[in-house]
PDB file of all heavy atoms in Angstrom:
ATOM      1  N   ALA A   1     -27.517 -13.926 -15.849  1.00  0.00           N
ATOM      2  CA  ALA A   1     -26.931 -13.622 -14.528  1.00  0.00           C
ATOM      3  C   ALA A   1     -26.019 -12.412 -14.607  1.00  0.00           C
ATOM      4  O   ALA A   1     -26.052 -11.529 -13.709  1.00  0.00           O
ATOM      5  CB  ALA A   1     -26.169 -14.845 -14.024  1.00  0.00           C
ATOM      6  N   LEU A   2     -25.198 -12.317 -15.636  1.00  0.00           N
ATOM      7  CA  LEU A   2     -24.337 -11.172 -15.790  1.00  0.00           C
ATOM      8  C   LEU A   2     -25.146  -9.887 -16.062  1.00  0.00           C
ATOM      9  O   LEU A   2     -24.827  -8.821 -15.500  1.00  0.00           O
ATOM     10  CB  LEU A   2     -23.342 -11.407 -16.935  1.00  0.00           C
ATOM     11  CG  LEU A   2     -22.146 -12.275 -16.616  1.00  0.00           C
ATOM     12  CD1 LEU A   2     -21.461 -12.815 -17.883  1.00  0.00           C
ATOM     13  CD2 LEU A   2     -21.153 -11.524 -15.747  1.00  0.00           C
ATOM     14  N   LEU A   3     -26.162 -10.017 -16.872  1.00  0.00           N
ATOM     15  CA  LEU A   3     -27.048  -8.829 -17.108  1.00  0.00           C
ATOM     16  C   LEU A   3     -27.697  -8.377 -15.807  1.00  0.00           C
ATOM     17  O   LEU A   3     -27.788  -7.165 -15.517  1.00  0.00           O
ATOM     18  CB  LEU A   3     -28.105  -9.200 -18.157  1.00  0.00           C
ATOM     19  CG  LEU A   3     -27.612  -9.278 -19.596  1.00  0.00           C
ATOM     20  CD1 LEU A   3     -28.640  -9.993 -20.478  1.00  0.00           C
ATOM     21  CD2 LEU A   3     -27.283  -7.912 -20.168  1.00  0.00           C
ATOM     22  N   ASP A   4     -28.185  -9.325 -15.018  1.00  0.00           N
ATOM     23  CA  ASP A   4     -28.805  -9.002 -13.743  1.00  0.00           C
ATOM     24  C   ASP A   4     -27.800  -8.344 -12.782  1.00  0.00           C
ATOM     25  O   ASP A   4     -28.119  -7.375 -12.065  1.00  0.00           O
ATOM     26  CB  ASP A   4     -29.400 -10.240 -13.084  1.00  0.00           C
ATOM     27  CG  ASP A   4     -30.622 -10.770 -13.809  1.00  0.00           C
ATOM     28  OD1 ASP A   4     -31.201 -10.034 -14.627  1.00  0.00           O
ATOM     29  OD2 ASP A   4     -31.016 -11.924 -13.584  1.00  0.00           O
ATOM     30  N   ALA A   5     -26.581  -8.834 -12.777  1.00  0.00           N
ATOM     31  CA  ALA A   5     -25.546  -8.252 -11.923  1.00  0.00           C
ATOM     32  C   ALA A   5     -25.263  -6.811 -12.296  1.00  0.00           C
ATOM     33  O   ALA A   5     -25.120  -5.931 -11.432  1.00  0.00           O
ATOM     34  CB  ALA A   5     -24.300  -9.101 -11.990  1.00  0.00           C
ATOM     35  N   LEU A   6     -25.192  -6.545 -13.603  1.00  0.00           N
ATOM     36  CA  LEU A   6     -24.944  -5.167 -14.046  1.00  0.00           C
ATOM     37  C   LEU A   6     -26.101  -4.276 -13.666  1.00  0.00           C
ATOM     38  O   LEU A   6     -25.917  -3.074 -13.324  1.00  0.00           O
ATOM     39  CB  LEU A   6     -24.679  -5.160 -15.548  1.00  0.00           C
ATOM     40  CG  LEU A   6     -23.384  -5.859 -15.998  1.00  0.00           C
ATOM     41  CD1 LEU A   6     -23.283  -5.799 -17.516  1.00  0.00           C
ATOM     42  CD2 LEU A   6     -22.152  -5.285 -15.345  1.00  0.00           C
ATOM     43  N   ASP A   7     -27.335  -4.784 -13.776  1.00  0.00           N
ATOM     44  CA  ASP A   7     -28.502  -3.986 -13.393  1.00  0.00           C
ATOM     45  C   ASP A   7     -28.444  -3.663 -11.875  1.00  0.00           C
ATOM     46  O   ASP A   7     -28.748  -2.543 -11.452  1.00  0.00           O
ATOM     47  CB  ASP A   7     -29.799  -4.759 -13.670  1.00  0.00           C
ATOM     48  CG  ASP A   7     -30.196  -4.662 -15.154  1.00  0.00           C
ATOM     49  OD1 ASP A   7     -29.577  -3.861 -15.892  1.00  0.00           O
ATOM     50  OD2 ASP A   7     -31.091  -5.404 -15.560  1.00  0.00           O
ATOM     51  N   LEU A   8     -28.072  -4.654 -11.073  1.00  0.00           N
ATOM     52  CA  LEU A   8     -27.967  -4.404  -9.626  1.00  0.00           C
ATOM     53  C   LEU A   8     -26.929  -3.344  -9.310  1.00  0.00           C
ATOM     54  O   LEU A   8     -27.153  -2.472  -8.459  1.00  0.00           O
ATOM     55  CB  LEU A   8     -27.636  -5.711  -8.897  1.00  0.00           C
ATOM     56  CG  LEU A   8     -28.787  -6.717  -8.746  1.00  0.00           C
ATOM     57  CD1 LEU A   8     -28.263  -8.089  -8.377  1.00  0.00           C
ATOM     58  CD2 LEU A   8     -29.799  -6.218  -7.759  1.00  0.00           C
ATOM     59  N   LEU A   9     -25.806  -3.391  -9.997  1.00  0.00           N
ATOM     60  CA  LEU A   9     -24.765  -2.411  -9.748  1.00  0.00           C
ATOM     61  C   LEU A   9     -25.157  -1.029 -10.220  1.00  0.00           C
ATOM     62  O   LEU A   9     -24.842   0.009  -9.555  1.00  0.00           O
ATOM     63  CB  LEU A   9     -23.476  -2.841 -10.442  1.00  0.00           C
ATOM     64  CG  LEU A   9     -22.761  -4.045  -9.822  1.00  0.00           C
ATOM     65  CD1 LEU A   9     -21.605  -4.516 -10.695  1.00  0.00           C
ATOM     66  CD2 LEU A   9     -22.256  -3.707  -8.420  1.00  0.00           C
ATOM     67  N   GLU A  10     -25.891  -0.924 -11.340  1.00  0.00           N
ATOM     68  CA  GLU A  10     -26.243   0.376 -11.870  1.00  0.00           C
ATOM     69  C   GLU A  10     -27.462   0.959 -11.111  1.00  0.00           C
ATOM     70  O   GLU A  10     -27.491   2.169 -10.861  1.00  0.00           O
ATOM     71  CB  GLU A  10     -26.551   0.314 -13.344  1.00  0.00           C
ATOM     72  CG  GLU A  10     -26.916   1.679 -13.893  1.00  0.00           C
ATOM     73  CD  GLU A  10     -27.150   1.688 -15.416  1.00  0.00           C
ATOM     74  OE1 GLU A  10     -27.057   0.626 -16.045  1.00  0.00           O
ATOM     75  OE2 GLU A  10     -27.421   2.787 -15.947  1.00  0.00           O
ATOM     76  N   PHE A  11     -28.451   0.126 -10.774  1.00  0.00           N
ATOM     77  CA  PHE A  11     -29.710   0.687 -10.328  1.00  0.00           C
ATOM     78  C   PHE A  11     -30.057   0.464  -8.861  1.00  0.00           C
ATOM     79  O   PHE A  11     -30.983   1.063  -8.337  1.00  0.00           O
ATOM     80  CB  PHE A  11     -30.871   0.096 -11.180  1.00  0.00           C
ATOM     81  CG  PHE A  11     -30.702   0.405 -12.654  1.00  0.00           C
ATOM     82  CD1 PHE A  11     -30.562  -0.642 -13.574  1.00  0.00           C
ATOM     83  CD2 PHE A  11     -30.693   1.702 -13.103  1.00  0.00           C
ATOM     84  CE1 PHE A  11     -30.405  -0.356 -14.926  1.00  0.00           C
ATOM     85  CE2 PHE A  11     -30.550   1.990 -14.459  1.00  0.00           C
ATOM     86  CZ  PHE A  11     -30.409   0.957 -15.366  1.00  0.00           C
ATOM     87  N   SER A  12     -29.276  -0.389  -8.172  1.00  0.00           N
ATOM     88  CA  SER A  12     -29.547  -0.576  -6.745  1.00  0.00           C
ATOM     89  C   SER A  12     -29.215   0.703  -5.962  1.00  0.00           C
ATOM     90  O   SER A  12     -28.123   1.266  -6.143  1.00  0.00           O
ATOM     91  CB  SER A  12     -28.721  -1.741  -6.191  1.00  0.00           C
ATOM     92  OG  SER A  12     -28.788  -1.749  -4.772  1.00  0.00           O
ATOM     93  N   PRO A  13     -30.088   1.157  -5.054  1.00  0.00           N
ATOM     94  CA  PRO A  13     -29.815   2.392  -4.268  1.00  0.00           C
ATOM     95  C   PRO A  13     -28.774   2.156  -3.184  1.00  0.00           C
ATOM     96  O   PRO A  13     -28.336   3.123  -2.567  1.00  0.00           O
ATOM     97  CB  PRO A  13     -31.182   2.727  -3.713  1.00  0.00           C
ATOM     98  CG  PRO A  13     -31.883   1.433  -3.603  1.00  0.00           C
ATOM     99  CD  PRO A  13     -31.423   0.596  -4.773  1.00  0.00           C
ATOM    100  N   THR A  14     -28.409   0.894  -2.887  1.00  0.00           N
ATOM    101  CA  THR A  14     -27.538   0.654  -1.758  1.00  0.00           C
ATOM    102  C   THR A  14     -26.156   0.111  -2.130  1.00  0.00           C
ATOM    103  O   THR A  14     -25.172   0.348  -1.450  1.00  0.00           O
ATOM    104  CB  THR A  14     -28.182  -0.357  -0.821  1.00  0.00           C
ATOM    105  OG1 THR A  14     -28.515  -1.580  -1.513  1.00  0.00           O
ATOM    106  CG2 THR A  14     -29.456   0.220  -0.219  1.00  0.00           C
ATOM    107  N   ILE A  15     -26.046  -0.644  -3.251  1.00  0.00           N
ATOM    108  CA  ILE A  15     -24.757  -1.263  -3.571  1.00  0.00           C
ATOM    109  C   ILE A  15     -23.781  -0.227  -4.088  1.00  0.00           C
ATOM    110  O   ILE A  15     -22.622  -0.128  -3.625  1.00  0.00           O
ATOM    111  CB  ILE A  15     -24.941  -2.367  -4.639  1.00  0.00           C
ATOM    112  CG1 ILE A  15     -25.856  -3.468  -4.093  1.00  0.00           C
ATOM    113  CG2 ILE A  15     -23.596  -2.944  -5.040  1.00  0.00           C
ATOM    114  CD1 ILE A  15     -26.232  -4.506  -5.123  1.00  0.00           C
ATOM    115  N   CYS A  16     -24.193   0.600  -5.047  1.00  0.00           N
ATOM    116  CA  CYS A  16     -23.303   1.604  -5.614  1.00  0.00           C
ATOM    117  C   CYS A  16     -24.088   2.899  -5.745  1.00  0.00           C
ATOM    118  O   CYS A  16     -24.365   3.354  -6.867  1.00  0.00           O
ATOM    119  CB  CYS A  16     -22.785   1.108  -6.956  1.00  0.00           C
ATOM    120  SG  CYS A  16     -21.594   2.198  -7.757  1.00  0.00           S
ATOM    121  N   PRO A  17     -24.464   3.532  -4.659  1.00  0.00           N
ATOM    122  CA  PRO A  17     -25.355   4.684  -4.690  1.00  0.00           C
ATOM    123  C   PRO A  17     -24.806   5.897  -5.436  1.00  0.00           C
ATOM    124  O   PRO A  17     -25.531   6.665  -6.006  1.00  0.00           O
ATOM    125  CB  PRO A  17     -25.614   4.995  -3.217  1.00  0.00           C
ATOM    126  CG  PRO A  17     -24.465   4.410  -2.504  1.00  0.00           C
ATOM    127  CD  PRO A  17     -24.058   3.184  -3.261  1.00  0.00           C
ATOM    128  N   SER A  18     -23.461   6.050  -5.436  1.00  0.00           N
ATOM    129  CA  SER A  18     -22.880   7.222  -6.060  1.00  0.00           C
ATOM    130  C   SER A  18     -22.670   7.041  -7.551  1.00  0.00           C
ATOM    131  O   SER A  18     -22.288   7.957  -8.251  1.00  0.00           O
ATOM    132  CB  SER A  18     -21.546   7.559  -5.402  1.00  0.00           C
ATOM    133  OG  SER A  18     -20.662   6.492  -5.520  1.00  0.00           O
ATOM    134  N   LYS A  19     -22.879   5.782  -7.995  1.00  0.00           N
ATOM    135  CA  LYS A  19     -22.773   5.474  -9.462  1.00  0.00           C
ATOM    136  C   LYS A  19     -21.392   5.696 -10.004  1.00  0.00           C
ATOM    137  O   LYS A  19     -21.202   5.996 -11.187  1.00  0.00           O
ATOM    138  CB  LYS A  19     -23.816   6.226 -10.288  1.00  0.00           C
ATOM    139  CG  LYS A  19     -25.225   6.034  -9.811  1.00  0.00           C
ATOM    140  CD  LYS A  19     -25.617   4.576  -9.638  1.00  0.00           C
ATOM    141  CE  LYS A  19     -27.008   4.409  -9.062  1.00  0.00           C
ATOM    142  NZ  LYS A  19     -27.277   3.064  -8.590  1.00  0.00           N
ATOM    143  N   ASP A  20     -20.382   5.627  -9.121  1.00  0.00           N
ATOM    144  CA  ASP A  20     -19.027   5.632  -9.619  1.00  0.00           C
ATOM    145  C   ASP A  20     -18.332   4.353  -9.083  1.00  0.00           C
ATOM    146  O   ASP A  20     -18.858   3.669  -8.245  1.00  0.00           O
ATOM    147  CB  ASP A  20     -18.250   6.890  -9.268  1.00  0.00           C
ATOM    148  CG  ASP A  20     -18.228   7.114  -7.750  1.00  0.00           C
ATOM    149  OD1 ASP A  20     -18.848   6.347  -7.017  1.00  0.00           O
ATOM    150  OD2 ASP A  20     -17.626   8.125  -7.315  1.00  0.00           O
ATOM    151  N   GLY A  21     -17.167   4.048  -9.651  1.00  0.00           N
ATOM    152  CA  GLY A  21     -16.521   2.814  -9.316  1.00  0.00           C
ATOM    153  C   GLY A  21     -16.182   2.051 -10.587  1.00  0.00           C
ATOM    154  O   GLY A  21     -16.307   2.567 -11.702  1.00  0.00           O
ATOM    155  N   VAL A  22     -15.719   0.825 -10.419  1.00  0.00           N
ATOM    156  CA  VAL A  22     -15.247  -0.002 -11.522  1.00  0.00           C
ATOM    157  C   VAL A  22     -15.821  -1.399 -11.372  1.00  0.00           C
ATOM    158  O   VAL A  22     -15.869  -1.939 -10.254  1.00  0.00           O
ATOM    159  CB  VAL A  22     -13.681  -0.081 -11.558  1.00  0.00           C
ATOM    160  CG1 VAL A  22     -13.200  -0.978 -12.692  1.00  0.00           C
ATOM    161  CG2 VAL A  22     -13.104   1.323 -11.669  1.00  0.00           C
ATOM    162  N   VAL A  23     -16.222  -2.001 -12.489  1.00  0.00           N
ATOM    163  CA  VAL A  23     -16.735  -3.360 -12.474  1.00  0.00           C
ATOM    164  C   VAL A  23     -15.689  -4.295 -13.089  1.00  0.00           C
ATOM    165  O   VAL A  23     -15.161  -4.022 -14.189  1.00  0.00           O
ATOM    166  CB  VAL A  23     -18.056  -3.501 -13.300  1.00  0.00           C
ATOM    167  CG1 VAL A  23     -18.510  -4.957 -13.322  1.00  0.00           C
ATOM    168  CG2 VAL A  23     -19.109  -2.608 -12.670  1.00  0.00           C
ATOM    169  N   VAL A  24     -15.361  -5.342 -12.388  1.00  0.00           N
ATOM    170  CA  VAL A  24     -14.352  -6.319 -12.837  1.00  0.00           C
ATOM    171  C   VAL A  24     -15.015  -7.695 -12.916  1.00  0.00           C
ATOM    172  O   VAL A  24     -15.743  -8.087 -11.986  1.00  0.00           O
ATOM    173  CB  VAL A  24     -13.171  -6.383 -11.874  1.00  0.00           C
ATOM    174  CG1 VAL A  24     -12.115  -7.401 -12.362  1.00  0.00           C
ATOM    175  CG2 VAL A  24     -12.541  -5.029 -11.686  1.00  0.00           C
ATOM    176  N   THR A  25     -14.806  -8.379 -14.034  1.00  0.00           N
ATOM    177  CA  THR A  25     -15.274  -9.792 -14.112  1.00  0.00           C
ATOM    178  C   THR A  25     -14.108 -10.719 -14.075  1.00  0.00           C
ATOM    179  O   THR A  25     -13.034 -10.424 -14.611  1.00  0.00           O
ATOM    180  CB  THR A  25     -16.085 -10.039 -15.412  1.00  0.00           C
ATOM    181  OG1 THR A  25     -15.216  -9.867 -16.531  1.00  0.00           O
ATOM    182  CG2 THR A  25     -17.282  -9.086 -15.535  1.00  0.00           C
ATOM    183  N   THR A  26     -14.294 -11.877 -13.447  1.00  0.00           N
ATOM    184  CA  THR A  26     -13.263 -12.905 -13.424  1.00  0.00           C
ATOM    185  C   THR A  26     -13.919 -14.267 -13.160  1.00  0.00           C
ATOM    186  O   THR A  26     -15.136 -14.355 -13.141  1.00  0.00           O
ATOM    187  CB  THR A  26     -12.174 -12.581 -12.367  1.00  0.00           C
ATOM    188  OG1 THR A  26     -11.038 -13.439 -12.622  1.00  0.00           O
ATOM    189  CG2 THR A  26     -12.667 -12.827 -10.967  1.00  0.00           C
ATOM    190  N   SER A  27     -13.113 -15.257 -12.986  1.00  0.00           N
ATOM    191  CA  SER A  27     -13.580 -16.639 -12.836  1.00  0.00           C
ATOM    192  C   SER A  27     -13.121 -17.232 -11.547  1.00  0.00           C
ATOM    193  O   SER A  27     -11.979 -16.985 -11.088  1.00  0.00           O
ATOM    194  CB  SER A  27     -13.092 -17.495 -14.010  1.00  0.00           C
ATOM    195  OG  SER A  27     -13.301 -18.858 -13.778  1.00  0.00           O
ATOM    196  N   ALA A  28     -13.955 -18.078 -10.924  1.00  0.00           N
ATOM    197  CA  ALA A  28     -13.544 -18.845  -9.732  1.00  0.00           C
ATOM    198  C   ALA A  28     -12.813 -20.111 -10.142  1.00  0.00           C
ATOM    199  O   ALA A  28     -12.299 -20.820  -9.278  1.00  0.00           O
ATOM    200  CB  ALA A  28     -14.777 -19.204  -8.930  1.00  0.00           C
TER     201      ALA A  28
END
């Protein structure tokens, strides 16, 4: 699930199109 999330953030054309930003992990 974490690997898939990172793929979505890196390769999705709509979530992070400019490929900049910061990824934060935490717990519910």
